[in-house]
Protein backbone atom coordinates (compact mmCIF):
# COMPACT_ATOMS: atom_id res chain seq x y z
CA MET A 1 15.55 -35.62 25.76
CA THR A 2 17.66 -32.50 25.17
CA GLN A 3 19.12 -31.50 22.25
CA ASN A 4 22.36 -32.74 22.88
CA ASP A 5 20.90 -36.25 23.65
CA ILE A 6 19.70 -36.35 20.65
CA VAL A 7 23.01 -35.43 18.65
CA GLN A 8 24.73 -37.98 20.99
CA LYS A 9 21.99 -40.51 20.06
CA LEU A 10 22.27 -40.06 16.39
CA TRP A 11 26.16 -40.24 16.42
CA ASN A 12 26.02 -43.46 17.66
CA LEU A 13 24.63 -44.74 14.39
CA CYS A 14 27.94 -44.41 13.85
CA ASP A 15 28.35 -48.08 15.31
CA VAL A 16 25.74 -49.49 12.78
CA LEU A 17 27.53 -47.55 9.78
CA ARG A 18 30.78 -49.28 10.86
CA ASP A 19 29.56 -52.54 11.04
CA ASP A 20 28.46 -52.02 7.41
CA GLY A 21 32.21 -50.95 5.82
CA ILE A 22 31.72 -46.94 5.99
CA ASN A 23 33.89 -44.78 7.71
CA TYR A 24 34.02 -41.88 9.72
CA SER A 25 34.41 -39.42 6.49
CA ASP A 26 31.72 -40.83 4.86
CA TYR A 27 29.70 -40.93 8.34
CA VAL A 28 27.89 -37.93 8.03
CA THR A 29 27.04 -37.72 4.24
CA GLU A 30 25.12 -41.47 4.99
CA LEU A 31 23.23 -40.24 7.72
CA VAL A 32 22.09 -36.97 6.47
CA LEU A 33 20.74 -38.50 3.38
CA LEU A 34 18.40 -40.21 5.51
CA LEU A 35 18.17 -37.80 8.24
CA PHE A 36 16.97 -34.59 5.74
CA ILE A 37 13.86 -36.54 5.00
CA LYS A 38 12.94 -37.63 8.37
CA MET A 39 13.72 -33.87 9.11
CA VAL A 40 11.36 -32.53 6.44
CA HIS A 41 8.67 -34.93 7.51
CA GLU A 42 9.06 -33.11 10.69
CA ASN A 43 9.29 -29.54 9.79
CA THR A 44 6.14 -30.16 7.78
CA GLU A 45 4.38 -32.13 10.32
CA ASN A 46 4.88 -28.65 12.94
CA GLY A 47 4.41 -25.78 10.45
CA THR A 48 7.57 -25.04 9.84
CA LEU A 49 7.46 -25.66 6.15
CA GLN A 50 4.40 -24.58 4.75
CA LYS A 51 4.75 -27.19 2.23
CA HIS A 52 6.41 -30.51 1.69
CA THR A 53 9.88 -29.96 0.50
CA LEU A 54 10.18 -33.44 -1.23
CA PRO A 55 7.94 -35.08 -3.85
CA GLU A 56 5.32 -37.81 -3.39
CA GLY A 57 6.84 -41.22 -2.74
CA CYS A 58 10.06 -39.94 -1.78
CA ARG A 59 9.01 -38.81 1.71
CA TRP A 60 9.71 -40.40 5.15
CA THR A 61 6.29 -42.26 5.42
CA ASP A 62 7.33 -43.93 2.39
CA ILE A 63 9.70 -45.51 4.10
CA ASN A 64 9.60 -46.17 7.85
CA ALA A 65 6.77 -49.03 7.38
CA LYS A 66 9.24 -51.22 5.69
CA SER A 67 11.46 -53.66 6.27
CA GLY A 68 14.13 -56.25 4.56
CA LEU A 69 15.19 -55.76 0.64
CA ASN A 70 11.51 -53.79 0.18
CA LEU A 71 12.99 -51.05 2.32
CA MET A 72 16.95 -51.32 0.60
CA ASN A 73 15.11 -51.35 -3.10
CA ASP A 74 12.93 -48.07 -1.58
CA TYR A 75 15.68 -46.30 -0.42
CA LYS A 76 17.59 -46.37 -2.97
CA ARG A 77 14.81 -45.77 -5.36
CA ILE A 78 14.17 -42.52 -3.37
CA LEU A 79 18.05 -41.73 -3.45
CA LEU A 80 17.78 -41.98 -7.38
CA SER A 81 14.65 -39.99 -7.95
CA LEU A 82 15.52 -37.10 -5.76
CA SER A 83 19.09 -37.13 -7.32
CA THR A 84 17.97 -36.73 -10.81
CA GLY A 85 14.16 -35.60 -10.64
CA LYS A 86 13.20 -38.89 -12.42
CA ASP A 87 11.90 -42.37 -11.68
CA ALA A 88 13.28 -45.77 -13.02
CA ASP A 89 11.07 -45.34 -16.04
CA ASP A 90 12.30 -42.04 -16.84
CA ASN A 91 9.18 -40.22 -15.62
CA ASN A 92 9.53 -36.54 -14.20
CA VAL A 93 9.20 -36.64 -10.25
CA HIS A 94 10.22 -33.28 -9.15
CA GLU A 95 11.80 -30.13 -10.84
CA ASP A 96 13.36 -28.72 -7.95
CA PRO A 97 17.03 -28.09 -8.77
CA LEU A 98 17.59 -27.35 -5.07
CA ILE A 99 16.66 -30.84 -4.14
CA SER A 100 18.61 -32.07 -7.12
CA ALA A 101 21.47 -30.28 -6.07
CA ILE A 102 21.15 -31.78 -2.30
CA TYR A 103 20.85 -35.23 -3.54
CA ALA A 104 23.35 -34.86 -6.39
CA ASP A 105 25.29 -37.93 -6.91
CA ALA A 106 23.30 -39.47 -3.79
CA GLN A 107 23.71 -42.94 -3.39
CA THR A 108 23.75 -45.23 -0.21
CA ARG A 109 27.06 -47.48 0.86
CA LEU A 110 25.10 -49.50 3.07
CA ARG A 111 24.78 -53.22 2.24
CA GLU A 112 22.87 -54.76 5.18
CA PRO A 113 19.07 -54.10 4.67
CA ARG A 114 18.89 -54.54 8.27
CA HIS A 115 21.56 -51.63 9.04
CA LEU A 116 19.26 -49.38 7.43
CA ALA A 117 16.21 -51.03 8.90
CA GLN A 118 18.06 -50.25 12.05
CA MET A 119 18.52 -46.38 11.12
CA VAL A 120 15.09 -45.50 10.43
CA LYS A 121 14.11 -47.44 13.56
CA THR A 122 16.18 -44.69 15.71
CA LEU A 123 14.85 -42.24 13.94
CA ASP A 124 11.56 -42.83 14.64
CA GLN A 125 12.10 -43.36 18.16
CA ILE A 126 13.60 -40.06 19.19
CA ASP A 127 11.08 -37.51 20.13
CA TRP A 128 11.57 -35.04 18.01
CA PHE A 129 9.00 -32.38 19.93
CA SER A 130 11.48 -31.73 22.54
CA VAL A 131 13.79 -30.12 20.18
CA GLN A 132 11.19 -28.31 18.09
CA LYS A 133 11.70 -25.52 20.34
CA ASP A 134 15.48 -25.08 19.39
CA GLY A 135 14.63 -26.16 15.72
CA LEU A 136 15.40 -28.95 14.11
CA GLY A 137 18.02 -27.19 11.80
CA ASP A 138 19.95 -26.22 14.98
CA LEU A 139 20.05 -29.99 15.86
CA TYR A 140 21.60 -30.63 12.63
CA GLU A 141 24.23 -27.85 13.30
CA GLY A 142 24.69 -29.89 16.39
CA LEU A 143 25.67 -32.84 14.46
CA LEU A 144 27.67 -31.16 12.14
CA GLU A 145 29.73 -29.82 14.80
CA LYS A 146 29.95 -33.49 16.49
CA ASN A 147 31.56 -34.49 13.48
CA ALA A 148 33.81 -31.68 13.44
CA SER A 149 35.30 -32.21 16.88
CA GLU A 150 35.13 -35.99 16.69
CA THR A 151 36.68 -36.46 13.19
CA LYS A 152 39.29 -33.66 13.34
CA SER A 153 39.88 -34.25 9.58
CA GLY A 154 39.15 -32.60 6.70
CA ALA A 155 37.31 -29.32 6.74
CA GLY A 156 36.10 -30.18 10.02
CA GLN A 157 39.42 -29.42 11.72
CA TYR A 158 38.55 -25.89 10.81
CA PHE A 159 35.19 -26.16 12.12
CA THR A 160 34.24 -22.61 13.45
CA PRO A 161 33.43 -22.38 17.03
CA ARG A 162 29.53 -21.61 17.50
CA ALA A 163 30.62 -18.97 20.20
CA LEU A 164 32.97 -17.17 17.99
CA ILE A 165 30.51 -17.14 14.90
CA SER A 166 27.79 -15.48 17.30
CA SER A 167 30.33 -13.20 18.62
CA MET A 168 31.33 -12.01 15.18
CA VAL A 169 27.44 -11.31 14.42
CA ASN A 170 26.75 -9.65 17.28
CA CYS A 171 29.46 -7.32 16.52
CA ILE A 172 28.85 -6.62 12.77
CA LYS A 173 25.09 -6.43 13.42
CA PRO A 174 23.33 -7.13 9.85
CA GLN A 175 20.41 -5.39 9.35
CA ILE A 176 17.18 -6.07 7.41
CA GLY A 177 17.87 -5.69 3.49
CA GLU A 178 21.82 -6.14 3.44
CA THR A 179 23.36 -8.45 1.65
CA ILE A 180 25.95 -11.32 3.53
CA GLN A 181 28.45 -13.26 2.19
CA ASP A 182 30.61 -15.81 3.06
CA PRO A 183 33.00 -16.96 0.47
CA ALA A 184 34.06 -19.93 2.24
CA ALA A 185 30.94 -21.22 3.37
CA GLY A 186 31.65 -24.64 4.30
CA THR A 187 28.43 -25.88 5.95
CA ALA A 188 26.77 -22.14 6.01
CA GLY A 189 27.38 -21.58 9.85
CA PHE A 190 28.22 -17.83 9.71
CA LEU A 191 25.36 -17.32 6.97
CA ILE A 192 22.57 -18.89 9.43
CA ALA A 193 23.57 -17.39 12.25
CA ALA A 194 23.41 -14.27 10.74
CA ASP A 195 20.02 -15.33 9.51
CA SER A 196 19.16 -16.22 13.15
CA TYR A 197 20.18 -12.81 14.35
CA LEU A 198 18.00 -10.86 12.38
CA LYS A 199 15.17 -13.13 12.83
CA ALA A 200 15.65 -12.54 16.64
CA GLN A 201 14.89 -9.02 15.90
CA THR A 202 11.84 -9.11 13.43
CA ASP A 203 10.36 -11.96 15.24
CA ASP A 204 11.09 -14.46 12.65
CA TYR A 205 10.60 -12.02 9.68
CA ILE A 206 6.99 -11.27 10.37
CA ASP A 207 7.45 -7.40 11.38
CA LEU A 208 8.58 -7.42 7.43
CA THR A 209 6.48 -6.71 4.29
CA GLN A 210 6.39 -9.52 2.15
CA ALA A 211 8.68 -7.86 -0.20
CA GLN A 212 11.11 -7.41 2.99
CA ALA A 213 10.38 -10.91 3.71
CA SER A 214 10.80 -12.59 0.17
CA PHE A 215 14.32 -10.45 -0.16
CA GLN A 216 15.83 -12.30 3.35
CA LYS A 217 14.61 -15.91 1.86
CA ASN A 218 15.94 -15.70 -1.24
CA LYS A 219 18.53 -13.22 -1.74
CA ALA A 220 20.18 -11.62 1.47
CA PHE A 221 22.78 -14.35 1.95
CA ILE A 222 24.92 -15.89 -0.69
CA GLY A 223 27.65 -18.33 0.06
CA VAL A 224 30.49 -20.34 -2.39
CA GLU A 225 31.64 -23.68 -1.30
CA LEU A 226 34.56 -25.75 -3.20
CA VAL A 227 33.73 -29.29 -1.75
CA PRO A 228 30.44 -30.72 -3.04
CA SER A 229 29.64 -32.79 -0.46
CA THR A 230 29.89 -29.82 2.10
CA ARG A 231 28.03 -27.85 0.04
CA ARG A 232 25.55 -30.92 0.18
CA LEU A 233 25.73 -30.50 3.81
CA ALA A 234 25.61 -26.53 3.51
CA LEU A 235 22.22 -26.84 1.36
CA MET A 236 20.40 -29.20 3.81
CA ASN A 237 21.25 -26.84 6.66
CA CYS A 238 20.07 -23.78 5.32
CA LEU A 239 16.71 -25.41 4.14
CA LEU A 240 16.22 -26.42 7.37
CA HIS A 241 16.95 -23.44 8.65
CA GLY A 242 14.17 -21.82 6.62
CA MET A 243 16.66 -20.31 3.70
CA GLU A 244 16.11 -21.08 0.13
CA GLY A 245 18.68 -18.97 -1.56
CA ASP A 246 18.31 -18.34 -5.44
CA ASP A 247 17.28 -21.31 -7.63
CA GLU A 248 21.33 -22.91 -6.53
CA GLY A 249 20.31 -22.36 -3.46
CA VAL A 250 22.42 -20.39 -0.68
CA VAL A 251 25.48 -21.78 -1.09
CA HIS A 252 26.61 -22.00 -4.40
CA LEU A 253 29.24 -24.68 -5.67
CA GLY A 254 32.72 -23.56 -6.88
CA ASN A 255 35.95 -21.94 -6.45
CA ALA A 256 35.56 -18.22 -4.61
CA LEU A 257 39.46 -18.15 -5.87
CA GLY A 258 38.16 -18.37 -9.16
CA GLN A 259 35.62 -16.89 -12.02
CA VAL A 260 32.71 -18.51 -9.46
CA GLY A 261 33.94 -15.57 -6.65
CA ALA A 262 35.10 -13.21 -9.51
CA SER A 263 31.41 -13.04 -10.87
CA LEU A 264 29.77 -12.52 -6.98
CA ALA A 265 27.97 -9.12 -6.32
CA LYS A 266 29.49 -6.75 -4.23
CA ALA A 267 28.39 -7.34 -0.36
CA ASP A 268 27.15 -5.10 2.36
CA ILE A 269 28.91 -7.58 4.75
CA ILE A 270 31.09 -10.53 4.59
CA LEU A 271 31.88 -12.61 7.32
CA ALA A 272 34.48 -15.55 6.92
CA ASN A 273 36.93 -18.36 7.95
CA PRO A 274 38.58 -18.93 4.81
CA PRO A 275 40.73 -22.39 5.06
CA PHE A 276 44.13 -22.60 6.23
CA GLY A 277 46.94 -23.52 3.99
CA THR A 278 48.59 -23.21 0.40
CA ALA A 279 46.96 -23.88 -2.80
CA LYS A 280 48.03 -27.23 -4.29
CA GLY A 281 49.10 -25.82 -7.59
CA GLY A 282 50.53 -22.76 -6.05
CA GLU A 283 49.40 -19.23 -7.80
CA ALA A 284 48.00 -21.45 -10.70
CA SER A 285 45.34 -22.71 -8.68
CA ILE A 286 44.21 -19.44 -7.43
CA THR A 287 42.28 -18.37 -11.13
CA ARG A 288 41.38 -15.02 -10.38
CA ASP A 289 42.89 -12.32 -13.00
CA ASP A 290 41.52 -9.69 -10.83
CA LEU A 291 43.36 -9.79 -7.88
CA THR A 292 46.26 -7.03 -7.39
CA TYR A 293 48.76 -9.31 -5.80
CA LYS A 294 49.51 -12.63 -6.92
CA THR A 295 50.12 -15.56 -4.33
CA SER A 296 49.82 -19.07 -3.20
CA ASN A 297 48.69 -18.46 0.51
CA LYS A 298 44.79 -18.90 0.30
CA GLN A 299 44.30 -16.87 2.99
CA LEU A 300 45.74 -13.64 1.59
CA ALA A 301 44.11 -14.30 -1.50
CA PHE A 302 40.86 -14.72 0.33
CA LEU A 303 41.47 -11.42 2.28
CA GLN A 304 41.95 -9.50 -1.24
CA HIS A 305 38.58 -10.73 -2.18
CA ILE A 306 36.93 -10.02 1.01
CA TYR A 307 37.97 -6.28 1.16
CA ARG A 308 37.82 -5.98 -2.49
CA ASN A 309 34.24 -7.22 -2.75
CA LEU A 310 32.45 -5.16 -0.05
CA LYS A 311 30.49 -1.80 -0.75
CA ALA A 312 31.51 1.32 0.14
CA GLY A 313 30.88 1.25 3.83
CA GLY A 314 30.50 -2.80 3.85
CA ARG A 315 31.44 -4.29 6.98
CA ALA A 316 33.45 -7.32 7.37
CA ALA A 317 34.58 -9.78 9.46
CA VAL A 318 36.79 -12.73 8.94
CA VAL A 319 39.32 -15.41 10.94
CA LEU A 320 42.89 -15.39 9.81
CA PRO A 321 45.90 -17.09 10.97
CA ASP A 322 49.10 -15.45 12.22
CA ASN A 323 51.06 -15.90 9.50
CA VAL A 324 49.00 -13.70 7.75
CA LEU A 325 49.61 -11.06 10.25
CA PHE A 326 53.29 -10.98 9.84
CA GLU A 327 54.38 -12.68 6.61
CA ALA A 328 56.48 -10.77 4.76
CA GLY A 329 56.71 -10.05 1.00
CA VAL A 330 53.00 -10.13 -0.65
CA GLY A 331 51.84 -10.37 2.89
CA THR A 332 52.82 -7.17 3.65
CA ASP A 333 51.71 -6.09 0.63
CA VAL A 334 48.33 -7.41 1.01
CA ARG A 335 48.04 -5.79 4.60
CA ARG A 336 49.08 -2.09 3.60
CA ASP A 337 46.34 -2.17 0.76
CA LEU A 338 43.92 -3.43 3.55
CA MET A 339 44.72 -0.61 5.66
CA ASN A 340 44.72 1.91 2.62
CA LYS A 341 41.17 1.02 1.04
CA CYS A 342 39.77 0.08 4.24
CA ASN A 343 39.22 1.02 8.10
CA LEU A 344 40.93 -1.77 9.97
CA HIS A 345 39.46 -0.76 13.40
CA THR A 346 39.38 -4.02 15.20
CA ILE A 347 41.81 -7.28 16.05
CA LEU A 348 40.71 -10.22 18.28
CA ARG A 349 43.62 -12.59 18.86
CA LEU A 350 42.15 -15.85 19.54
CA PRO A 351 43.42 -18.21 22.18
CA THR A 352 44.70 -21.22 21.03
CA GLY A 353 42.89 -24.73 21.37
CA ILE A 354 39.31 -23.66 20.27
CA PHE A 355 40.14 -24.97 16.89
CA TYR A 356 40.18 -28.54 15.99
CA ALA A 357 43.02 -28.47 14.85
CA GLN A 358 46.06 -28.33 17.42
CA GLY A 359 48.47 -25.46 17.57
CA VAL A 360 46.44 -23.08 15.35
CA LYS A 361 46.88 -19.60 16.00
CA THR A 362 43.98 -17.18 15.09
CA ASN A 363 42.72 -13.50 15.09
CA VAL A 364 39.46 -12.10 13.79
CA LEU A 365 40.11 -8.63 11.45
CA PHE A 366 37.14 -6.64 11.55
CA PHE A 367 37.13 -4.00 8.95
CA THR A 368 34.99 -1.35 7.08
CA LYS A 369 35.27 -0.26 3.35
CA GLY A 370 36.30 3.52 3.44
CA SER A 371 37.23 5.56 6.44
CA SER A 372 35.34 6.44 9.69
CA THR A 373 34.00 9.40 8.01
CA ASN A 374 33.84 8.88 4.58
CA LYS A 375 32.72 5.33 3.15
CA LEU A 376 34.04 6.54 -0.74
CA GLN A 377 37.38 7.12 0.90
CA ASP A 378 39.66 4.61 -0.72
CA GLU A 379 43.22 6.06 0.29
CA ASN A 380 44.61 6.00 4.18
CA CYS A 381 41.40 4.85 5.35
CA THR A 382 43.14 3.00 9.01
CA GLN A 383 44.18 5.99 11.36
CA ASN A 384 44.27 3.19 14.72
CA VAL A 385 43.95 -0.39 15.51
CA TRP A 386 42.36 -1.69 18.41
CA VAL A 387 43.69 -5.08 19.26
CA TYR A 388 41.84 -7.05 22.12
CA ASP A 389 44.33 -9.82 23.52
CA LEU A 390 42.19 -13.32 24.12
CA ARG A 391 45.35 -15.00 23.65
CA ALA A 392 47.77 -14.52 26.91
CA ASN A 393 47.47 -15.70 30.32
CA MET A 394 43.94 -17.77 29.21
CA PRO A 395 43.75 -21.27 29.95
CA SER A 396 44.31 -24.28 27.38
CA PHE A 397 40.84 -24.97 25.56
CA GLY A 398 39.67 -28.07 24.69
CA LYS A 399 37.01 -30.49 25.80
CA ARG A 400 37.78 -30.26 29.48
CA THR A 401 38.02 -26.41 29.11
CA PRO A 402 35.13 -25.66 26.34
CA PHE A 403 35.40 -21.94 24.76
CA GLY A 404 32.19 -20.54 25.10
CA GLU A 405 30.28 -17.24 24.69
CA GLN A 406 31.42 -15.62 28.28
CA HIS A 407 34.76 -15.67 27.09
CA LEU A 408 34.13 -13.37 24.15
CA THR A 409 31.67 -11.55 26.02
CA PRO A 410 34.29 -8.77 27.63
CA PHE A 411 35.44 -8.33 24.04
CA GLU A 412 31.90 -7.66 22.70
CA ALA A 413 31.54 -4.97 25.51
CA VAL A 414 34.64 -3.16 24.95
CA TYR A 415 33.99 -3.58 20.56
CA GLY A 416 30.63 -1.19 21.40
CA ASP A 417 27.44 -0.73 19.88
CA GLU A 418 28.51 0.57 16.36
CA ALA A 419 29.09 -2.13 13.78
CA ASP A 420 31.49 -0.16 11.93
CA GLY A 421 33.85 0.00 15.09
CA THR A 422 33.36 3.89 15.50
CA SER A 423 32.05 3.43 19.13
CA GLU A 424 34.24 5.71 21.53
CA ARG A 425 36.91 3.42 22.79
CA THR A 426 39.47 3.46 25.90
CA VAL A 427 42.17 1.52 26.87
CA GLY A 428 41.21 -0.57 29.67
CA GLU A 429 39.84 -4.02 29.87
CA TRP A 430 41.27 -6.67 32.97
CA SER A 431 38.86 -9.82 32.47
CA PHE A 432 40.70 -13.13 32.96
CA SER A 433 43.70 -11.36 34.22
CA THR A 434 45.07 -11.46 37.80
CA GLY A 435 47.38 -8.49 39.55
CA GLU A 436 47.50 -4.71 39.18
CA GLN A 437 44.99 -3.03 36.68
CA THR A 438 47.34 -0.62 34.72
CA ALA A 439 46.96 0.52 31.12
CA GLU A 440 50.15 -1.81 29.83
CA ASN A 441 48.62 -4.86 30.98
CA SER A 442 45.37 -4.15 29.55
CA ARG A 443 43.87 -6.88 27.05
CA TRP A 444 42.15 -3.78 25.16
CA GLN A 445 44.95 -1.61 23.19
CA CYS A 446 45.23 0.97 20.35
CA PHE A 447 47.75 1.29 18.14
CA SER A 448 48.15 3.91 15.65
CA ARG A 449 48.75 3.58 11.50
CA ASP A 450 52.23 5.07 12.06
CA TYR A 451 53.27 2.96 14.63
CA ILE A 452 52.28 0.05 12.80
CA ARG A 453 53.98 1.37 9.77
CA THR A 454 57.16 2.49 11.44
CA THR A 455 57.95 0.28 14.36
CA LYS A 456 56.05 -2.85 13.01
CA GLY A 457 56.78 -2.57 9.40
CA ASP A 458 53.40 -2.86 8.75
CA SER A 459 53.16 -6.43 10.65
CA LEU A 460 49.62 -6.85 12.58
CA ASP A 461 51.35 -9.60 14.93
CA ILE A 462 51.12 -6.97 18.04
CA SER A 463 51.57 -8.47 21.28
CA TRP A 464 52.24 -6.67 24.60
CA LEU A 465 51.12 -8.56 27.27
CA LYS A 466 53.71 -10.97 29.13
CA ASP A 467 52.64 -14.71 29.61
CA ASN A 468 52.70 -15.63 33.30
CA ASP A 469 54.54 -18.86 32.23
CA SER A 470 57.18 -17.54 30.10
CA VAL A 471 60.80 -17.28 31.11
CA ASP A 472 62.44 -13.46 31.71
CA ALA A 473 65.59 -13.73 29.45
CA ALA A 474 67.17 -11.34 31.89
CA ASN A 475 67.29 -14.11 34.74
CA LEU A 476 68.38 -16.66 32.53
CA PRO A 477 72.30 -18.18 33.07
CA GLU A 478 75.32 -17.12 31.17
CA PRO A 479 75.27 -18.66 27.75
CA ASP A 480 78.08 -20.91 28.52
CA VAL A 481 76.34 -22.44 31.46
CA LEU A 482 73.83 -23.36 29.27
CA ALA A 483 75.37 -24.85 26.28
CA ALA A 484 77.44 -27.00 28.97
CA GLU A 485 74.04 -28.03 30.73
CA ALA A 486 72.61 -29.05 27.58
CA MET A 487 75.96 -30.75 26.50
CA SER A 488 76.06 -32.54 29.70
CA GLU A 489 72.46 -33.90 29.02
CA LEU A 490 73.28 -35.20 25.45
CA THR A 491 76.28 -36.75 26.69
CA GLU A 492 74.16 -39.01 29.31
CA ALA A 493 71.70 -39.63 26.73
CA LEU A 494 74.51 -41.03 24.35
CA ARG A 495 75.75 -42.80 27.10
CA GLU A 496 72.53 -44.33 27.60
CA LEU A 497 71.48 -45.20 23.69
CA ASP A 498 75.00 -46.60 23.64
CA GLY A 499 74.05 -49.04 26.37
CA LEU A 500 70.96 -49.91 25.02
CA MET A 501 72.48 -51.06 21.73
CA GLN A 502 75.27 -53.24 23.31
CA ALA A 503 72.52 -54.88 25.38
CA LEU A 504 70.44 -55.59 22.29
CA GLY A 505 73.04 -57.32 20.66
CA ALA A 506 73.95 -54.02 18.12
CA GLY A 507 77.45 -53.16 19.60
CA ASP A 508 78.84 -52.78 16.08
CA GLN A 509 76.39 -50.44 14.73
CA ALA A 510 76.89 -48.39 18.07
CA ASN A 511 80.58 -48.61 17.78
CA THR A 512 80.67 -46.89 14.24
CA GLN A 513 78.13 -44.21 15.27
CA LYS A 514 80.90 -43.79 18.61
CA GLN A 515 83.44 -43.30 15.43
CA LEU A 516 81.30 -40.93 13.26
CA LEU A 517 80.62 -38.60 16.29
CA ALA A 518 84.45 -38.90 17.27
CA GLU A 519 84.90 -37.58 13.53
CA VAL A 520 82.54 -34.72 13.91
CA LEU A 521 83.75 -33.75 17.61
CA GLY A 522 87.46 -33.74 15.75
CA ILE A 523 88.77 -36.08 18.40
CA GLY A 524 90.21 -38.47 15.75
CA ALA A 525 92.68 -35.97 15.06
CA MET A 526 93.83 -35.43 18.66
CA ASP A 527 97.29 -35.94 19.76
CA MET A 528 97.64 -37.98 23.14
CA ASP A 529 97.91 -34.69 25.43
CA GLU A 530 94.55 -33.76 24.15
CA LYS A 531 93.05 -37.02 24.28
CA ARG A 532 93.54 -37.17 27.57
CA LYS A 533 91.69 -34.33 28.44
CA TYR A 534 88.62 -36.20 27.19
CA PHE A 535 89.68 -39.54 28.94
CA PRO A 536 91.33 -38.85 32.21
CA VAL A 537 89.73 -41.68 34.36
CA VAL A 538 90.49 -44.46 32.21
CA GLU A 539 91.41 -48.31 34.19
CA MET A 540 92.70 -50.87 32.14
CA GLU A 541 91.20 -54.15 32.61
CA THR A 542 93.35 -57.35 31.89
CA ILE A 543 90.43 -59.18 30.34
CA GLU A 544 89.85 -58.05 26.86
CA GLN A 545 91.83 -54.83 27.82
CA ARG A 546 88.55 -53.09 27.72
CA PRO A 547 89.05 -49.03 28.88
CA LYS A 548 86.46 -48.75 31.63
CA TYR A 549 85.47 -45.18 33.25
CA THR A 550 86.01 -45.16 36.92
CA GLY A 551 87.45 -42.25 38.33
CA LYS A 552 90.63 -44.21 39.48
CA SER A 553 93.65 -43.07 38.85
CA VAL A 554 96.32 -44.81 36.25
CA SER A 555 99.64 -44.61 34.49
CA LEU A 556 99.68 -42.77 31.25
CA GLU A 557 101.24 -45.86 29.39
CA ASP A 558 97.90 -47.54 30.47
CA MET A 559 95.64 -44.81 29.71
CA ASP A 560 97.49 -44.61 25.91
CA ALA A 561 97.04 -48.30 25.55
CA ALA A 562 93.59 -47.90 26.48
CA ILE A 563 93.00 -45.05 23.96
CA GLU A 564 94.41 -47.15 21.09
CA TYR A 565 92.70 -50.21 21.96
CA GLU A 566 89.73 -48.27 21.98
CA ALA A 567 90.12 -46.67 18.57
CA SER A 568 90.83 -49.62 16.71
CA LYS A 569 87.75 -51.58 17.98
CA ALA A 570 85.97 -48.16 16.55
CA ARG A 571 87.56 -48.83 13.16
């Protein structure tokens, strides 16, 4: 059984939960409350965890052999004990703040004992040994990604693709001893990817001294998450990947745009995909008093936090939507400040369709605090910005055409080996391109700070590749021809709608709308000669005296009578 098979099997348990009245938004939380107990058991059994994380009486072996009301009551007891640290008699069960944080206010919404029993049975039947080589934490990651792709709601709609996270980490190249921060942690994808990268370099930290290993386990990674349920998932995710953090865990609960963010220590590396949109409470929702440029745009506020919170020489990679690159006013001020204080050396223009929110256009900005030659420099740090266009003439990504690591490999190659973007770079990269390979149609271009300032007005929305599906304005018909075609199509559409309204017995409503349209077009104020231009082919029908547009010639008297009759009907 592959990891994907197990993820799908777990996801299929949603049918059980749905039968018990639990919707998709609560599904993952409900499942992981039980799944975490199971995974701690499996990690303890295979030696990944040196000691059992959960207290006695609150372990998988305490529930998997029970059924009926006994199972349901014991499960509720376990959730209460893990949440509060005490049992029903107020006796201490555990004093682990991390377990209390994970199970804070935890309670099951299951009402039927048989549904809980079925979930327990399914989890026990899974061949966990088959996925141990990939790690149970990776399995958990797969479940979170499945949730994001299927539900397309809440934070899940901006769930960062794993391929993109890995590529950003590969470029930034974390080092042992560096502090790595994510101020919008979500389910901790960036932090876990950075940890995995470092473990791969050090044989799961076995090559490190005890002090170094302890630092990586407890101090190297720090995240902030605003939503308690998402933070719960993040803490579970980190523990299953062997990341403990401080007393509050790897991911702290709070608002990075509030005092929690202001109190964060400066970091060597910041990796983030800040939430998209505008703060609901406007500027008042962003309570930081140390941000220079006041704004209700959350991405602009997060961007200020990120470049301000880097140590001298620190590196950052952040996912941002297009509007941050071209927004005027405060947006321009923030971009100027960024390019002044940091070396913004690389922009990756991402294709559409890779996020679950359809139509979102995003970029990754890579920058280093200070200049390329002096990490303490705090003015005029950006000299050149290299842009890689992975958006133009790319397929529409989705389930049928998944976005993967192979699409980012060419970018990583031109980015270079230097994490701070100082590798020698040359124009020229034509992956995913067809036709003649020239400097002009390369996906990899360099733009000077002076060009960005004088030509772009400090906008970073830089594109140069022509979309093959775009229409060349030089080949378009004259404006009057285009306008006439549009008006003709609109007229025909209105004629069909009128026929539909008549067929539905709504002739009076249709006539009212036609009268309003005539007034808008100024037809009602025309004299008879002008009207004849619009009604050149009216034929009288003796019955009901209804005008009909047939193309036959009629007398002026008949035409006038028909027009007057039509006008009287409209009135």
